[in-house]
Amino acid sequence: MRKRQLSPLGVIVKKRLIEVGKTQVELAREIGTSGKYLHLILIGERSGKTFIPKIAQALGMNPDKLNKIA
């Protein structure tokens, strides 16, 4: 089975999660979705447009920057 690659958005979010000391599961819970759905957003299989502002807020990031990448 081939490991899925993170999308450009996924790479940025993953780096930020490490910086702030959060897990994907914690972030998913904060933004109101499942860990599995967040994973699909981070690998680019789902756009996650409705969650981008919530992700940005939870991680203290600029939502405009994330929207441009997504």
N, C-alpha and C. Protein backbone atom coordinates (compact mmCIF):
# COMPACT_ATOMS: atom_id res chain seq x y z
N MET A 1 0.84 -1.19 0.00
CA MET A 1 0.00 0.00 0.00
C MET A 1 0.89 1.25 0.00
N ARG A 2 0.56 2.17 -0.88
CA ARG A 2 1.36 3.39 -1.04
C ARG A 2 0.92 4.44 -0.02
N LYS A 3 1.90 5.06 0.62
CA LYS A 3 1.60 6.13 1.59
C LYS A 3 1.21 7.39 0.83
N ARG A 4 0.16 8.01 1.28
CA ARG A 4 -0.32 9.24 0.63
C ARG A 4 0.52 10.43 1.06
N GLN A 5 0.74 11.31 0.12
CA GLN A 5 1.54 12.52 0.36
C GLN A 5 0.64 13.66 0.83
N LEU A 6 1.18 14.49 1.69
CA LEU A 6 0.46 15.68 2.12
C LEU A 6 0.37 16.69 0.98
N SER A 7 -0.73 17.40 0.91
CA SER A 7 -0.88 18.49 -0.04
C SER A 7 -0.04 19.67 0.47
N PRO A 8 0.15 20.71 -0.35
CA PRO A 8 0.86 21.90 0.16
C PRO A 8 0.22 22.46 1.43
N LEU A 9 -1.12 22.47 1.48
CA LEU A 9 -1.83 22.90 2.69
C LEU A 9 -1.48 21.97 3.85
N GLY A 10 -1.49 20.68 3.58
CA GLY A 10 -1.19 19.69 4.61
C GLY A 10 0.19 19.86 5.20
N VAL A 11 1.17 20.17 4.35
CA VAL A 11 2.54 20.37 4.82
C VAL A 11 2.61 21.55 5.80
N ILE A 12 1.97 22.65 5.44
CA ILE A 12 1.99 23.84 6.29
C ILE A 12 1.27 23.59 7.61
N VAL A 13 0.10 22.95 7.54
CA VAL A 13 -0.67 22.67 8.76
C VAL A 13 0.10 21.71 9.66
N LYS A 14 0.71 20.69 9.07
CA LYS A 14 1.46 19.71 9.86
C LYS A 14 2.64 20.37 10.57
N LYS A 15 3.37 21.24 9.86
CA LYS A 15 4.49 21.96 10.48
C LYS A 15 4.01 22.81 11.65
N ARG A 16 2.87 23.48 11.44
CA ARG A 16 2.33 24.34 12.50
C ARG A 16 1.86 23.52 13.69
N LEU A 17 1.28 22.36 13.44
CA LEU A 17 0.86 21.47 14.54
C LEU A 17 2.06 21.11 15.41
N ILE A 18 3.17 20.81 14.77
CA ILE A 18 4.39 20.47 15.51
C ILE A 18 4.86 21.67 16.33
N GLU A 19 4.84 22.86 15.70
CA GLU A 19 5.29 24.08 16.39
C GLU A 19 4.46 24.37 17.65
N VAL A 20 3.15 24.15 17.56
CA VAL A 20 2.29 24.47 18.70
C VAL A 20 2.04 23.28 19.62
N GLY A 21 2.56 22.12 19.26
CA GLY A 21 2.46 20.95 20.12
C GLY A 21 1.08 20.32 20.17
N LYS A 22 0.39 20.31 19.02
CA LYS A 22 -0.93 19.69 18.93
C LYS A 22 -0.88 18.50 18.00
N THR A 23 -1.83 17.59 18.20
CA THR A 23 -1.95 16.46 17.27
C THR A 23 -3.07 16.75 16.28
N GLN A 24 -3.12 15.97 15.21
CA GLN A 24 -4.20 16.12 14.24
C GLN A 24 -5.54 15.83 14.90
N VAL A 25 -5.58 14.86 15.79
CA VAL A 25 -6.83 14.51 16.47
C VAL A 25 -7.32 15.68 17.32
N GLU A 26 -6.40 16.33 18.03
CA GLU A 26 -6.78 17.49 18.84
C GLU A 26 -7.31 18.62 17.96
N LEU A 27 -6.63 18.86 16.85
CA LEU A 27 -7.07 19.91 15.92
C LEU A 27 -8.45 19.57 15.36
N ALA A 28 -8.64 18.33 14.95
CA ALA A 28 -9.93 17.91 14.41
C ALA A 28 -11.05 18.16 15.42
N ARG A 29 -10.81 17.80 16.67
CA ARG A 29 -11.80 18.00 17.72
C ARG A 29 -12.11 19.49 17.88
N GLU A 30 -11.07 20.32 17.85
CA GLU A 30 -11.25 21.78 18.01
C GLU A 30 -12.07 22.39 16.90
N ILE A 31 -11.88 21.91 15.67
CA ILE A 31 -12.58 22.52 14.53
C ILE A 31 -13.91 21.84 14.23
N GLY A 32 -14.23 20.78 14.97
CA GLY A 32 -15.54 20.15 14.83
C GLY A 32 -15.66 19.14 13.72
N THR A 33 -14.60 18.39 13.47
CA THR A 33 -14.66 17.32 12.47
C THR A 33 -13.93 16.10 13.01
N SER A 34 -13.92 15.05 12.23
CA SER A 34 -13.24 13.82 12.66
C SER A 34 -11.77 13.87 12.24
N GLY A 35 -10.98 13.07 12.91
CA GLY A 35 -9.57 12.96 12.54
C GLY A 35 -9.41 12.46 11.13
N LYS A 36 -10.27 11.54 10.73
CA LYS A 36 -10.20 10.97 9.38
C LYS A 36 -10.49 12.05 8.32
N TYR A 37 -11.52 12.88 8.56
CA TYR A 37 -11.84 13.92 7.60
C TYR A 37 -10.72 14.96 7.52
N LEU A 38 -10.15 15.31 8.66
CA LEU A 38 -9.02 16.25 8.65
C LEU A 38 -7.88 15.65 7.85
N HIS A 39 -7.62 14.37 8.02
CA HIS A 39 -6.56 13.70 7.25
C HIS A 39 -6.84 13.83 5.74
N LEU A 40 -8.08 13.63 5.34
CA LEU A 40 -8.44 13.75 3.92
C LEU A 40 -8.20 15.17 3.40
N ILE A 41 -8.45 16.17 4.24
CA ILE A 41 -8.16 17.56 3.86
C ILE A 41 -6.66 17.74 3.68
N LEU A 42 -5.87 17.20 4.62
CA LEU A 42 -4.42 17.41 4.59
C LEU A 42 -3.73 16.68 3.44
N ILE A 43 -4.35 15.61 2.93
CA ILE A 43 -3.74 14.93 1.77
C ILE A 43 -4.37 15.40 0.45
N GLY A 44 -5.32 16.33 0.55
CA GLY A 44 -5.89 16.92 -0.66
C GLY A 44 -7.04 16.16 -1.27
N GLU A 45 -7.60 15.16 -0.56
CA GLU A 45 -8.74 14.43 -1.10
C GLU A 45 -10.07 15.13 -0.84
N ARG A 46 -10.07 16.08 0.08
CA ARG A 46 -11.22 16.93 0.35
C ARG A 46 -10.72 18.36 0.40
N SER A 47 -11.55 19.29 -0.09
CA SER A 47 -11.09 20.69 -0.12
C SER A 47 -11.05 21.30 1.28
N GLY A 48 -12.02 20.96 2.11
CA GLY A 48 -12.05 21.50 3.46
C GLY A 48 -12.25 22.99 3.54
N LYS A 49 -12.79 23.59 2.49
CA LYS A 49 -12.95 25.05 2.43
C LYS A 49 -13.67 25.60 3.66
N THR A 50 -14.67 24.88 4.15
CA THR A 50 -15.42 25.39 5.31
C THR A 50 -14.61 25.31 6.60
N PHE A 51 -13.58 24.45 6.62
CA PHE A 51 -12.79 24.29 7.84
C PHE A 51 -11.52 25.15 7.85
N ILE A 52 -11.13 25.71 6.72
CA ILE A 52 -9.88 26.47 6.65
C ILE A 52 -9.85 27.63 7.65
N PRO A 53 -10.92 28.45 7.75
CA PRO A 53 -10.88 29.52 8.75
C PRO A 53 -10.73 28.98 10.18
N LYS A 54 -11.39 27.87 10.47
CA LYS A 54 -11.30 27.27 11.80
C LYS A 54 -9.90 26.72 12.07
N ILE A 55 -9.31 26.09 11.05
CA ILE A 55 -7.95 25.57 11.19
C ILE A 55 -6.99 26.73 11.46
N ALA A 56 -7.12 27.79 10.67
CA ALA A 56 -6.25 28.97 10.84
C ALA A 56 -6.38 29.55 12.24
N GLN A 57 -7.61 29.68 12.72
CA GLN A 57 -7.84 30.26 14.05
C GLN A 57 -7.24 29.35 15.13
N ALA A 58 -7.46 28.06 15.02
CA ALA A 58 -6.98 27.12 16.04
C ALA A 58 -5.45 27.09 16.09
N LEU A 59 -4.81 27.36 14.96
CA LEU A 59 -3.35 27.30 14.90
C LEU A 59 -2.69 28.68 14.92
N GLY A 60 -3.50 29.74 15.04
CA GLY A 60 -2.95 31.10 15.08
C GLY A 60 -2.29 31.49 13.77
N MET A 61 -2.95 31.14 12.67
CA MET A 61 -2.40 31.43 11.34
C MET A 61 -3.32 32.40 10.60
N ASN A 62 -2.82 32.93 9.50
CA ASN A 62 -3.57 33.83 8.64
C ASN A 62 -4.47 33.00 7.72
N PRO A 63 -5.80 33.13 7.84
CA PRO A 63 -6.69 32.34 6.98
C PRO A 63 -6.53 32.64 5.50
N ASP A 64 -6.18 33.89 5.16
CA ASP A 64 -5.98 34.22 3.75
C ASP A 64 -4.83 33.44 3.14
N LYS A 65 -3.77 33.28 3.92
CA LYS A 65 -2.61 32.50 3.45
C LYS A 65 -3.01 31.05 3.20
N LEU A 66 -3.78 30.48 4.11
CA LEU A 66 -4.21 29.09 3.94
C LEU A 66 -5.17 28.94 2.77
N ASN A 67 -6.06 29.92 2.58
CA ASN A 67 -7.01 29.84 1.46
C ASN A 67 -6.29 29.88 0.12
N LYS A 68 -5.21 30.66 0.02
CA LYS A 68 -4.46 30.73 -1.23
C LYS A 68 -3.79 29.40 -1.56
N ILE A 69 -3.36 28.69 -0.52
CA ILE A 69 -2.68 27.43 -0.72
C ILE A 69 -3.66 26.29 -1.00
N ALA A 70 -4.82 26.36 -0.37
CA ALA A 70 -5.80 25.26 -0.45
C ALA A 70 -6.39 25.07 -1.81
